[in-house]
N, C-alpha and C. Protein backbone atom coordinates (compact mmCIF):
# COMPACT_ATOMS: atom_id res chain seq x y z
N MET A 1 0.82 -1.19 0.00
CA MET A 1 0.00 0.00 0.00
C MET A 1 0.87 1.25 0.00
N LYS A 2 1.91 1.23 0.80
CA LYS A 2 2.78 2.40 0.90
C LYS A 2 3.52 2.63 -0.42
N THR A 3 3.90 1.53 -1.08
CA THR A 3 4.61 1.69 -2.36
C THR A 3 3.68 2.23 -3.44
N LYS A 4 2.40 1.88 -3.39
CA LYS A 4 1.43 2.42 -4.35
C LYS A 4 1.29 3.92 -4.19
N VAL A 5 1.23 4.38 -2.96
CA VAL A 5 1.11 5.82 -2.70
C VAL A 5 2.35 6.54 -3.20
N ILE A 6 3.50 5.97 -2.96
CA ILE A 6 4.75 6.58 -3.40
C ILE A 6 4.80 6.61 -4.93
N GLN A 7 4.35 5.54 -5.58
CA GLN A 7 4.34 5.50 -7.04
C GLN A 7 3.38 6.55 -7.61
N ILE A 8 2.22 6.69 -7.00
CA ILE A 8 1.26 7.68 -7.48
C ILE A 8 1.81 9.09 -7.34
N ILE A 9 2.43 9.37 -6.21
CA ILE A 9 3.03 10.69 -6.00
C ILE A 9 4.17 10.92 -6.97
N ALA A 10 4.99 9.90 -7.20
CA ALA A 10 6.13 10.03 -8.10
C ALA A 10 5.69 10.24 -9.54
N LEU A 11 4.54 9.72 -9.92
CA LEU A 11 4.05 9.89 -11.29
C LEU A 11 3.27 11.18 -11.49
N THR A 12 2.55 11.63 -10.48
CA THR A 12 1.72 12.82 -10.65
C THR A 12 2.48 14.12 -10.45
N LEU A 13 3.50 14.13 -9.65
CA LEU A 13 4.25 15.36 -9.41
C LEU A 13 4.86 15.94 -10.69
N PRO A 14 5.53 15.15 -11.53
CA PRO A 14 6.03 15.72 -12.79
C PRO A 14 4.91 16.18 -13.72
N LEU A 15 3.78 15.48 -13.72
CA LEU A 15 2.67 15.89 -14.58
C LEU A 15 2.10 17.23 -14.14
N ILE A 16 2.00 17.45 -12.86
CA ILE A 16 1.48 18.71 -12.35
C ILE A 16 2.40 19.86 -12.75
N THR A 17 3.70 19.64 -12.69
CA THR A 17 4.63 20.72 -13.06
C THR A 17 4.57 21.00 -14.55
N ILE A 18 4.35 19.98 -15.36
CA ILE A 18 4.25 20.20 -16.80
C ILE A 18 2.97 20.96 -17.13
N ILE A 19 1.88 20.59 -16.48
CA ILE A 19 0.59 21.24 -16.76
C ILE A 19 0.63 22.71 -16.35
N THR A 20 1.22 23.02 -15.23
CA THR A 20 1.25 24.41 -14.77
C THR A 20 2.26 25.25 -15.52
N ALA A 21 3.19 24.64 -16.23
CA ALA A 21 4.21 25.39 -16.95
C ALA A 21 3.78 25.78 -18.36
N GLN A 22 2.58 25.40 -18.78
CA GLN A 22 2.13 25.72 -20.13
C GLN A 22 1.84 27.21 -20.25
N PRO A 23 2.23 27.82 -21.37
CA PRO A 23 1.95 29.25 -21.55
C PRO A 23 0.47 29.50 -21.82
N GLY A 24 0.03 30.72 -21.58
CA GLY A 24 -1.37 31.08 -21.81
C GLY A 24 -1.61 31.44 -23.27
N PHE A 25 -2.83 31.78 -23.59
CA PHE A 25 -3.19 32.17 -24.95
C PHE A 25 -2.67 33.57 -25.23
N PRO A 26 -2.35 33.87 -26.48
CA PRO A 26 -1.87 35.22 -26.81
C PRO A 26 -2.99 36.25 -26.68
N SER A 27 -2.61 37.49 -26.62
CA SER A 27 -3.62 38.55 -26.51
C SER A 27 -4.37 38.69 -27.84
N SER A 28 -5.38 39.52 -27.87
CA SER A 28 -6.28 39.62 -29.02
C SER A 28 -5.58 39.89 -30.36
N PRO A 29 -4.67 40.84 -30.48
CA PRO A 29 -4.09 41.11 -31.80
C PRO A 29 -3.21 39.98 -32.33
N ASN A 30 -2.65 39.13 -31.47
CA ASN A 30 -1.72 38.12 -31.92
C ASN A 30 -2.37 36.78 -32.24
N GLN A 31 -3.68 36.65 -32.08
CA GLN A 31 -4.33 35.38 -32.36
C GLN A 31 -4.40 35.13 -33.86
N ALA A 32 -4.28 33.87 -34.23
CA ALA A 32 -4.32 33.49 -35.64
C ALA A 32 -5.78 33.38 -36.09
N PRO A 33 -6.10 33.88 -37.28
CA PRO A 33 -7.48 33.76 -37.77
C PRO A 33 -7.77 32.33 -38.25
N ILE A 34 -9.02 31.96 -38.17
CA ILE A 34 -9.43 30.63 -38.61
C ILE A 34 -10.34 30.82 -39.83
N GLY A 35 -9.91 31.62 -40.78
CA GLY A 35 -10.70 31.85 -41.97
C GLY A 35 -10.62 30.65 -42.91
N GLY A 36 -11.70 30.38 -43.60
CA GLY A 36 -11.71 29.29 -44.57
C GLY A 36 -12.03 27.94 -43.96
N LEU A 37 -12.21 27.88 -42.66
CA LEU A 37 -12.50 26.59 -42.02
C LEU A 37 -13.87 26.09 -42.44
N GLY A 38 -14.81 26.99 -42.63
CA GLY A 38 -16.14 26.60 -43.09
C GLY A 38 -16.10 26.03 -44.50
N LEU A 39 -15.30 26.66 -45.36
CA LEU A 39 -15.15 26.14 -46.73
C LEU A 39 -14.52 24.76 -46.74
N LEU A 40 -13.54 24.57 -45.89
CA LEU A 40 -12.88 23.27 -45.79
C LEU A 40 -13.85 22.20 -45.31
N ALA A 41 -14.69 22.52 -44.34
CA ALA A 41 -15.68 21.57 -43.85
C ALA A 41 -16.73 21.27 -44.92
N ALA A 42 -17.16 22.30 -45.67
CA ALA A 42 -18.13 22.09 -46.74
C ALA A 42 -17.56 21.22 -47.85
N ALA A 43 -16.30 21.43 -48.19
CA ALA A 43 -15.66 20.61 -49.23
C ALA A 43 -15.54 19.15 -48.77
N GLY A 44 -15.20 18.94 -47.51
CA GLY A 44 -15.12 17.58 -46.98
C GLY A 44 -16.48 16.91 -46.98
N GLY A 45 -17.51 17.64 -46.62
CA GLY A 45 -18.86 17.09 -46.64
C GLY A 45 -19.31 16.74 -48.06
N ALA A 46 -18.96 17.60 -49.01
CA ALA A 46 -19.31 17.33 -50.41
C ALA A 46 -18.59 16.08 -50.91
N MET A 47 -17.34 15.93 -50.54
CA MET A 47 -16.60 14.73 -50.96
C MET A 47 -17.20 13.47 -50.35
N ALA A 48 -17.61 13.55 -49.09
CA ALA A 48 -18.22 12.39 -48.43
C ALA A 48 -19.55 12.03 -49.09
N LEU A 49 -20.35 13.04 -49.43
CA LEU A 49 -21.62 12.77 -50.11
C LEU A 49 -21.41 12.16 -51.49
N LYS A 50 -20.39 12.64 -52.20
CA LYS A 50 -20.10 12.09 -53.52
C LYS A 50 -19.66 10.63 -53.42
N LYS A 51 -18.82 10.31 -52.45
CA LYS A 51 -18.40 8.92 -52.27
C LYS A 51 -19.59 8.04 -51.90
N LEU A 52 -20.48 8.54 -51.05
CA LEU A 52 -21.66 7.77 -50.67
C LEU A 52 -22.56 7.56 -51.88
N TYR A 53 -22.74 8.59 -52.68
CA TYR A 53 -23.57 8.48 -53.88
C TYR A 53 -22.97 7.48 -54.86
N ASP A 54 -21.66 7.55 -55.10
CA ASP A 54 -20.99 6.62 -56.02
C ASP A 54 -21.04 5.19 -55.49
N HIS A 55 -20.94 5.03 -54.18
CA HIS A 55 -20.97 3.68 -53.60
C HIS A 55 -22.36 3.06 -53.75
N ARG A 56 -23.41 3.86 -53.59
CA ARG A 56 -24.77 3.34 -53.74
C ARG A 56 -25.14 3.11 -55.20
N LYS A 57 -24.48 3.83 -56.09
CA LYS A 57 -24.76 3.72 -57.53
C LYS A 57 -24.31 2.36 -58.07
N LYS A 58 -23.25 1.79 -57.48
CA LYS A 58 -22.72 0.51 -57.97
C LYS A 58 -23.63 -0.61 -57.68
């Protein structure tokens, strides 16, 4: 039982330090735009529908 507690502490302590060391999000002017993501999703949906249509056609 004591070794399990020591193992849990030994494994979680490095993870906690890694999680807390992550940088925050940039301020408003430095954020990257996500333009064109809707077009990309629409194109993927169109390709999926075409494959489904072709598969049912056979």
